[in-house]
PDB file of all heavy atoms in Angstrom:
ATOM      1  N   GLU A   1       8.214  21.332   5.552  1.00  0.00           N
ATOM      2  CA  GLU A   1       7.919  22.761   5.570  1.00  0.00           C
ATOM      3  C   GLU A   1       6.503  23.037   6.062  1.00  0.00           C
ATOM      4  O   GLU A   1       6.265  23.964   6.846  1.00  0.00           O
ATOM      5  CB  GLU A   1       8.122  23.338   4.173  1.00  0.00           C
ATOM      6  CG  GLU A   1       9.591  23.359   3.728  1.00  0.00           C
ATOM      7  CD  GLU A   1       9.735  23.965   2.352  1.00  0.00           C
ATOM      8  OE1 GLU A   1       8.688  24.338   1.764  1.00  0.00           O
ATOM      9  OE2 GLU A   1      10.879  24.059   1.865  1.00  0.00           O
ATOM     10  N   LEU A   2       5.530  22.226   5.580  1.00  0.00           N
ATOM     11  CA  LEU A   2       4.148  22.418   6.031  1.00  0.00           C
ATOM     12  C   LEU A   2       4.013  22.173   7.533  1.00  0.00           C
ATOM     13  O   LEU A   2       3.328  22.928   8.242  1.00  0.00           O
ATOM     14  CB  LEU A   2       3.217  21.476   5.256  1.00  0.00           C
ATOM     15  CG  LEU A   2       3.050  21.784   3.752  1.00  0.00           C
ATOM     16  CD1 LEU A   2       2.222  20.695   3.095  1.00  0.00           C
ATOM     17  CD2 LEU A   2       2.386  23.146   3.558  1.00  0.00           C
ATOM     18  N   GLU A   3       4.668  21.105   8.016  1.00  0.00           N
ATOM     19  CA  GLU A   3       4.607  20.829   9.452  1.00  0.00           C
ATOM     20  C   GLU A   3       5.247  21.936  10.265  1.00  0.00           C
ATOM     21  O   GLU A   3       4.736  22.337  11.313  1.00  0.00           O
ATOM     22  CB  GLU A   3       5.298  19.497   9.736  1.00  0.00           C
ATOM     23  CG  GLU A   3       4.530  18.292   9.202  1.00  0.00           C
ATOM     24  CD  GLU A   3       5.293  17.007   9.434  1.00  0.00           C
ATOM     25  OE1 GLU A   3       6.415  17.102   9.981  1.00  0.00           O
ATOM     26  OE2 GLU A   3       4.778  15.918   9.092  1.00  0.00           O
ATOM     27  N   SER A   4       6.355  22.483   9.761  1.00  0.00           N
ATOM     28  CA  SER A   4       7.005  23.573  10.488  1.00  0.00           C
ATOM     29  C   SER A   4       6.134  24.818  10.500  1.00  0.00           C
ATOM     30  O   SER A   4       6.034  25.524  11.505  1.00  0.00           O
ATOM     31  CB  SER A   4       8.363  23.877   9.872  1.00  0.00           C
ATOM     32  OG  SER A   4       8.194  24.303   8.529  1.00  0.00           O
ATOM     33  N   ASN A   5       5.453  25.096   9.343  1.00  0.00           N
ATOM     34  CA  ASN A   5       4.553  26.259   9.303  1.00  0.00           C
ATOM     35  C   ASN A   5       3.373  26.090  10.249  1.00  0.00           C
ATOM     36  O   ASN A   5       2.951  27.042  10.929  1.00  0.00           O
ATOM     37  CB  ASN A   5       4.055  26.474   7.871  1.00  0.00           C
ATOM     38  CG  ASN A   5       5.172  26.905   6.931  1.00  0.00           C
ATOM     39  OD1 ASN A   5       6.153  27.504   7.373  1.00  0.00           O
ATOM     40  ND2 ASN A   5       5.023  26.602   5.648  1.00  0.00           N
ATOM     41  N   GLU A   6       2.819  24.861  10.285  1.00  0.00           N
ATOM     42  CA  GLU A   6       1.711  24.623  11.209  1.00  0.00           C
ATOM     43  C   GLU A   6       2.164  24.778  12.656  1.00  0.00           C
ATOM     44  O   GLU A   6       1.442  25.337  13.487  1.00  0.00           O
ATOM     45  CB  GLU A   6       1.161  23.216  10.979  1.00  0.00           C
ATOM     46  CG  GLU A   6       0.425  23.070   9.644  1.00  0.00           C
ATOM     47  CD  GLU A   6      -0.051  21.655   9.424  1.00  0.00           C
ATOM     48  OE1 GLU A   6       0.256  20.800  10.287  1.00  0.00           O
ATOM     49  OE2 GLU A   6      -0.722  21.392   8.409  1.00  0.00           O
ATOM     50  N   ALA A   7       3.352  24.296  12.962  1.00  0.00           N
ATOM     51  CA  ALA A   7       3.852  24.430  14.331  1.00  0.00           C
ATOM     52  C   ALA A   7       4.053  25.897  14.691  1.00  0.00           C
ATOM     53  O   ALA A   7       3.718  26.330  15.803  1.00  0.00           O
ATOM     54  CB  ALA A   7       5.165  23.659  14.480  1.00  0.00           C
ATOM     55  N   GLU A   8       4.569  26.688  13.745  1.00  0.00           N
ATOM     56  CA  GLU A   8       4.740  28.116  14.007  1.00  0.00           C
ATOM     57  C   GLU A   8       3.397  28.804  14.208  1.00  0.00           C
ATOM     58  O   GLU A   8       3.247  29.669  15.085  1.00  0.00           O
ATOM     59  CB  GLU A   8       5.499  28.762  12.847  1.00  0.00           C
ATOM     60  CG  GLU A   8       6.963  28.344  12.768  1.00  0.00           C
ATOM     61  CD  GLU A   8       7.643  28.974  11.581  1.00  0.00           C
ATOM     62  OE1 GLU A   8       6.952  29.688  10.821  1.00  0.00           O
ATOM     63  OE2 GLU A   8       8.855  28.749  11.410  1.00  0.00           O
ATOM     64  N   ALA A   9       2.392  28.411  13.397  1.00  0.00           N
ATOM     65  CA  ALA A   9       1.070  29.016  13.561  1.00  0.00           C
ATOM     66  C   ALA A   9       0.469  28.667  14.919  1.00  0.00           C
ATOM     67  O   ALA A   9      -0.153  29.507  15.584  1.00  0.00           O
ATOM     68  CB  ALA A   9       0.139  28.544  12.435  1.00  0.00           C
ATOM     69  N   GLU A  10       0.632  27.409  15.336  1.00  0.00           N
ATOM     70  CA  GLU A  10       0.108  27.012  16.653  1.00  0.00           C
ATOM     71  C   GLU A  10       0.792  27.774  17.774  1.00  0.00           C
ATOM     72  O   GLU A  10       0.141  28.222  18.729  1.00  0.00           O
ATOM     73  CB  GLU A  10       0.309  25.508  16.835  1.00  0.00           C
ATOM     74  CG  GLU A  10      -0.596  24.673  15.937  1.00  0.00           C
ATOM     75  CD  GLU A  10      -0.343  23.193  16.108  1.00  0.00           C
ATOM     76  OE1 GLU A  10       0.568  22.871  16.896  1.00  0.00           O
ATOM     77  OE2 GLU A  10      -1.041  22.388  15.482  1.00  0.00           O
ATOM     78  N   THR A  11       2.084  27.957  17.660  1.00  0.00           N
ATOM     79  CA  THR A  11       2.782  28.702  18.708  1.00  0.00           C
ATOM     80  C   THR A  11       2.343  30.165  18.731  1.00  0.00           C
ATOM     81  O   THR A  11       2.172  30.755  19.805  1.00  0.00           O
ATOM     82  CB  THR A  11       4.288  28.623  18.466  1.00  0.00           C
ATOM     83  OG1 THR A  11       4.584  29.045  17.120  1.00  0.00           O
ATOM     84  CG2 THR A  11       4.788  27.194  18.646  1.00  0.00           C
ATOM     85  N   GLU A  12       2.140  30.764  17.524  1.00  0.00           N
ATOM     86  CA  GLU A  12       1.648  32.143  17.490  1.00  0.00           C
ATOM     87  C   GLU A  12       0.246  32.263  18.082  1.00  0.00           C
ATOM     88  O   GLU A  12      -0.055  33.184  18.834  1.00  0.00           O
ATOM     89  CB  GLU A  12       1.661  32.642  16.054  1.00  0.00           C
ATOM     90  CG  GLU A  12       3.070  32.838  15.486  1.00  0.00           C
ATOM     91  CD  GLU A  12       3.022  33.319  14.049  1.00  0.00           C
ATOM     92  OE1 GLU A  12       1.888  33.424  13.513  1.00  0.00           O
ATOM     93  OE2 GLU A  12       4.092  33.575  13.482  1.00  0.00           O
ATOM     94  N   GLN A  13      -0.642  31.291  17.732  1.00  0.00           N
ATOM     95  CA  GLN A  13      -2.001  31.325  18.277  1.00  0.00           C
ATOM     96  C   GLN A  13      -1.986  31.147  19.785  1.00  0.00           C
ATOM     97  O   GLN A  13      -2.707  31.813  20.526  1.00  0.00           O
ATOM     98  CB  GLN A  13      -2.832  30.222  17.617  1.00  0.00           C
ATOM     99  CG  GLN A  13      -4.317  30.253  18.015  1.00  0.00           C
ATOM    100  CD  GLN A  13      -5.106  29.217  17.265  1.00  0.00           C
ATOM    101  OE1 GLN A  13      -4.530  28.455  16.478  1.00  0.00           O
ATOM    102  NE2 GLN A  13      -6.404  29.166  17.508  1.00  0.00           N
ATOM    103  N   GLY A  14      -1.117  30.239  20.255  1.00  0.00           N
ATOM    104  CA  GLY A  14      -1.015  30.050  21.696  1.00  0.00           C
ATOM    105  C   GLY A  14      -0.504  31.278  22.400  1.00  0.00           C
ATOM    106  O   GLY A  14      -0.961  31.634  23.490  1.00  0.00           O
ATOM    107  N   SER A  15       0.424  31.996  21.797  1.00  0.00           N
ATOM    108  CA  SER A  15       0.937  33.217  22.409  1.00  0.00           C
ATOM    109  C   SER A  15      -0.133  34.297  22.446  1.00  0.00           C
ATOM    110  O   SER A  15      -0.253  35.047  23.417  1.00  0.00           O
ATOM    111  CB  SER A  15       2.159  33.701  21.632  1.00  0.00           C
ATOM    112  OG  SER A  15       1.799  34.000  20.286  1.00  0.00           O
ATOM    113  N   LEU A  16      -0.958  34.395  21.372  1.00  0.00           N
ATOM    114  CA  LEU A  16      -2.044  35.375  21.376  1.00  0.00           C
ATOM    115  C   LEU A  16      -3.078  35.064  22.453  1.00  0.00           C
ATOM    116  O   LEU A  16      -3.563  35.969  23.157  1.00  0.00           O
ATOM    117  CB  LEU A  16      -2.718  35.405  19.997  1.00  0.00           C
ATOM    118  CG  LEU A  16      -1.857  35.956  18.846  1.00  0.00           C
ATOM    119  CD1 LEU A  16      -2.605  35.793  17.521  1.00  0.00           C
ATOM    120  CD2 LEU A  16      -1.535  37.430  19.083  1.00  0.00           C
ATOM    121  N   GLU A  17      -3.450  33.795  22.564  1.00  0.00           N
ATOM    122  CA  GLU A  17      -4.411  33.405  23.605  1.00  0.00           C
ATOM    123  C   GLU A  17      -3.863  33.696  24.986  1.00  0.00           C
ATOM    124  O   GLU A  17      -4.588  34.174  25.871  1.00  0.00           O
ATOM    125  CB  GLU A  17      -4.755  31.925  23.455  1.00  0.00           C
ATOM    126  CG  GLU A  17      -5.569  31.623  22.196  1.00  0.00           C
ATOM    127  CD  GLU A  17      -5.836  30.152  22.052  1.00  0.00           C
ATOM    128  OE1 GLU A  17      -5.312  29.384  22.905  1.00  0.00           O
ATOM    129  OE2 GLU A  17      -6.558  29.750  21.124  1.00  0.00           O
ATOM    130  N   SER A  18      -2.606  33.411  25.188  1.00  0.00           N
ATOM    131  CA  SER A  18      -2.019  33.685  26.503  1.00  0.00           C
ATOM    132  C   SER A  18      -2.005  35.184  26.791  1.00  0.00           C
ATOM    133  O   SER A  18      -2.271  35.611  27.923  1.00  0.00           O
ATOM    134  CB  SER A  18      -0.612  33.106  26.561  1.00  0.00           C
ATOM    135  OG  SER A  18       0.206  33.716  25.575  1.00  0.00           O
ATOM    136  N   ASP A  19      -1.724  36.005  25.751  1.00  0.00           N
ATOM    137  CA  ASP A  19      -1.756  37.454  25.948  1.00  0.00           C
ATOM    138  C   ASP A  19      -3.151  37.929  26.309  1.00  0.00           C
ATOM    139  O   ASP A  19      -3.317  38.804  27.180  1.00  0.00           O
ATOM    140  CB  ASP A  19      -1.286  38.160  24.673  1.00  0.00           C
ATOM    141  CG  ASP A  19       0.180  37.910  24.407  1.00  0.00           C
ATOM    142  OD1 ASP A  19       0.893  37.525  25.359  1.00  0.00           O
ATOM    143  OD2 ASP A  19       0.618  38.069  23.239  1.00  0.00           O
ATOM    144  N   ALA A  20      -4.176  37.346  25.649  1.00  0.00           N
ATOM    145  CA  ALA A  20      -5.553  37.739  25.957  1.00  0.00           C
ATOM    146  C   ALA A  20      -5.929  37.362  27.380  1.00  0.00           C
ATOM    147  O   ALA A  20      -6.581  38.127  28.110  1.00  0.00           O
ATOM    148  CB  ALA A  20      -6.506  37.091  24.955  1.00  0.00           C
ATOM    149  N   MET A  21      -5.545  36.187  27.825  1.00  0.00           N
ATOM    150  CA  MET A  21      -5.826  35.759  29.182  1.00  0.00           C
ATOM    151  C   MET A  21      -5.136  36.663  30.190  1.00  0.00           C
ATOM    152  O   MET A  21      -5.705  37.006  31.236  1.00  0.00           O
ATOM    153  CB  MET A  21      -5.355  34.313  29.361  1.00  0.00           C
ATOM    154  CG  MET A  21      -6.169  33.299  28.564  1.00  0.00           C
ATOM    155  SD  MET A  21      -7.877  33.194  29.092  1.00  0.00           S
ATOM    156  CE  MET A  21      -7.662  32.478  30.703  1.00  0.00           C
ATOM    157  N   ILE A  22      -3.940  37.085  29.875  1.00  0.00           N
ATOM    158  CA  ILE A  22      -3.220  37.975  30.787  1.00  0.00           C
ATOM    159  C   ILE A  22      -3.948  39.296  30.916  1.00  0.00           C
ATOM    160  O   ILE A  22      -4.096  39.862  31.999  1.00  0.00           O
ATOM    161  CB  ILE A  22      -1.785  38.174  30.303  1.00  0.00           C
ATOM    162  CG1 ILE A  22      -1.004  36.869  30.462  1.00  0.00           C
ATOM    163  CG2 ILE A  22      -1.098  39.287  31.077  1.00  0.00           C
ATOM    164  CD1 ILE A  22       0.354  36.905  29.816  1.00  0.00           C
ATOM    165  N   LYS A  23      -4.461  39.811  29.769  1.00  0.00           N
ATOM    166  CA  LYS A  23      -5.183  41.081  29.810  1.00  0.00           C
ATOM    167  C   LYS A  23      -6.463  40.952  30.623  1.00  0.00           C
ATOM    168  O   LYS A  23      -6.829  41.849  31.378  1.00  0.00           O
ATOM    169  CB  LYS A  23      -5.495  41.527  28.393  1.00  0.00           C
ATOM    170  CG  LYS A  23      -4.257  41.957  27.622  1.00  0.00           C
ATOM    171  CD  LYS A  23      -4.617  42.385  26.219  1.00  0.00           C
ATOM    172  CE  LYS A  23      -3.368  42.796  25.454  1.00  0.00           C
ATOM    173  NZ  LYS A  23      -3.688  43.190  24.060  1.00  0.00           N
ATOM    174  N   LYS A  24      -7.180  39.809  30.439  1.00  0.00           N
ATOM    175  CA  LYS A  24      -8.417  39.623  31.210  1.00  0.00           C
ATOM    176  C   LYS A  24      -8.115  39.561  32.700  1.00  0.00           C
ATOM    177  O   LYS A  24      -8.825  40.114  33.523  1.00  0.00           O
ATOM    178  CB  LYS A  24      -9.101  38.340  30.753  1.00  0.00           C
ATOM    179  CG  LYS A  24      -9.722  38.461  29.373  1.00  0.00           C
ATOM    180  CD  LYS A  24     -10.385  37.151  28.983  1.00  0.00           C
ATOM    181  CE  LYS A  24     -10.977  37.241  27.583  1.00  0.00           C
ATOM    182  NZ  LYS A  24     -11.597  35.971  27.172  1.00  0.00           N
ATOM    183  N   LYS A  25      -7.057  38.868  33.038  1.00  0.00           N
ATOM    184  CA  LYS A  25      -6.711  38.765  34.450  1.00  0.00           C
ATOM    185  C   LYS A  25      -6.345  40.119  35.023  1.00  0.00           C
ATOM    186  O   LYS A  25      -6.692  40.453  36.148  1.00  0.00           O
ATOM    187  CB  LYS A  25      -5.555  37.788  34.618  1.00  0.00           C
ATOM    188  CG  LYS A  25      -5.970  36.336  34.421  1.00  0.00           C
ATOM    189  CD  LYS A  25      -4.788  35.411  34.625  1.00  0.00           C
ATOM    190  CE  LYS A  25      -5.208  33.965  34.415  1.00  0.00           C
ATOM    191  NZ  LYS A  25      -4.074  33.049  34.582  1.00  0.00           N
ATOM    192  N   THR A  26      -5.685  40.943  34.262  1.00  0.00           N
ATOM    193  CA  THR A  26      -5.313  42.265  34.770  1.00  0.00           C
ATOM    194  C   THR A  26      -6.530  43.147  34.940  1.00  0.00           C
ATOM    195  O   THR A  26      -6.592  43.973  35.847  1.00  0.00           O
ATOM    196  CB  THR A  26      -4.336  42.928  33.796  1.00  0.00           C
ATOM    197  OG1 THR A  26      -4.892  42.917  32.479  1.00  0.00           O
ATOM    198  CG2 THR A  26      -3.028  42.167  33.768  1.00  0.00           C
ATOM    199  N   LYS A  27      -7.556  42.947  34.058  1.00  0.00           N
ATOM    200  CA  LYS A  27      -8.770  43.763  34.197  1.00  0.00           C
ATOM    201  C   LYS A  27      -9.586  43.337  35.405  1.00  0.00           C
ATOM    202  O   LYS A  27     -10.156  44.164  36.114  1.00  0.00           O
ATOM    203  CB  LYS A  27      -9.619  43.640  32.938  1.00  0.00           C
ATOM    204  CG  LYS A  27      -9.010  44.354  31.747  1.00  0.00           C
ATOM    205  CD  LYS A  27      -9.910  44.228  30.536  1.00  0.00           C
ATOM    206  CE  LYS A  27      -9.300  44.934  29.339  1.00  0.00           C
ATOM    207  NZ  LYS A  27     -10.145  44.810  28.129  1.00  0.00           N
ATOM    208  N   THR A  28      -9.726  42.067  35.676  1.00  0.00           N
ATOM    209  CA  THR A  28     -10.538  41.570  36.785  1.00  0.00           C
ATOM    210  C   THR A  28      -9.763  41.447  38.085  1.00  0.00           C
ATOM    211  O   THR A  28     -10.250  40.869  39.037  1.00  0.00           O
ATOM    212  CB  THR A  28     -11.108  40.195  36.407  1.00  0.00           C
ATOM    213  OG1 THR A  28     -10.021  39.321  36.104  1.00  0.00           O
ATOM    214  CG2 THR A  28     -12.010  40.304  35.188  1.00  0.00           C
ATOM    215  N   ALA A  29      -8.608  41.956  38.115  1.00  0.00           N
ATOM    216  CA  ALA A  29      -7.807  41.853  39.339  1.00  0.00           C
ATOM    217  C   ALA A  29      -8.423  42.704  40.439  1.00  0.00           C
ATOM    218  O   ALA A  29      -8.986  43.782  40.182  1.00  0.00           O
ATOM    219  CB  ALA A  29      -6.383  42.307  39.059  1.00  0.00           C
ATOM    220  N   LYS A  30      -8.366  42.276  41.713  1.00  0.00           N
ATOM    221  CA  LYS A  30      -8.934  42.986  42.851  1.00  0.00           C
ATOM    222  C   LYS A  30      -8.077  44.183  43.194  1.00  0.00           C
ATOM    223  O   LYS A  30      -6.850  44.127  43.060  1.00  0.00           O
ATOM    224  CB  LYS A  30      -9.017  42.048  44.058  1.00  0.00           C
ATOM    225  CG  LYS A  30     -10.005  40.910  43.852  1.00  0.00           C
ATOM    226  CD  LYS A  30     -10.052  40.057  45.093  1.00  0.00           C
ATOM    227  CE  LYS A  30     -11.032  38.922  44.905  1.00  0.00           C
ATOM    228  NZ  LYS A  30     -11.124  38.075  46.126  1.00  0.00           N
ATOM    229  N   PRO A  31      -8.700  45.293  43.648  1.00  0.00           N
ATOM    230  CA  PRO A  31      -7.923  46.470  44.048  1.00  0.00           C
ATOM    231  C   PRO A  31      -7.199  46.195  45.349  1.00  0.00           C
ATOM    232  O   PRO A  31      -7.545  45.280  46.097  1.00  0.00           O
ATOM    233  CB  PRO A  31      -8.992  47.543  44.224  1.00  0.00           C
ATOM    234  CG  PRO A  31     -10.231  46.787  44.505  1.00  0.00           C
ATOM    235  CD  PRO A  31     -10.157  45.525  43.743  1.00  0.00           C
ATOM    236  N   PRO A  32      -6.219  46.961  45.663  1.00  0.00           N
ATOM    237  CA  PRO A  32      -5.471  46.742  46.910  1.00  0.00           C
ATOM    238  C   PRO A  32      -6.346  47.016  48.141  1.00  0.00           C
ATOM    239  O   PRO A  32      -7.436  47.574  48.047  1.00  0.00           O
ATOM    240  CB  PRO A  32      -4.311  47.734  46.804  1.00  0.00           C
ATOM    241  CG  PRO A  32      -4.748  48.730  45.812  1.00  0.00           C
ATOM    242  CD  PRO A  32      -5.645  48.047  44.846  1.00  0.00           C
ATOM    243  N   LYS A  33      -5.865  46.648  49.345  1.00  0.00           N
ATOM    244  CA  LYS A  33      -6.640  46.749  50.572  1.00  0.00           C
ATOM    245  C   LYS A  33      -6.931  48.195  50.952  1.00  0.00           C
ATOM    246  O   LYS A  33      -8.003  48.510  51.448  1.00  0.00           O
ATOM    247  CB  LYS A  33      -5.875  46.064  51.714  1.00  0.00           C
ATOM    248  CG  LYS A  33      -5.783  44.570  51.539  1.00  0.00           C
ATOM    249  CD  LYS A  33      -5.064  43.949  52.719  1.00  0.00           C
ATOM    250  CE  LYS A  33      -4.975  42.448  52.574  1.00  0.00           C
ATOM    251  NZ  LYS A  33      -4.279  41.831  53.731  1.00  0.00           N
TER     252      LYS A  33
END
C-alpha cells in the first residue's frame, strides 16, 4: 500500500510539473509571422 501511494504521488507530481512546463512554453511561444 505504501509503495502504491508513493507511486501515485510521483505520478501526480510528474503531471503537475508537466502542466507547469506546458504553461511556460505557451507563455514564451513566438508570435506568428
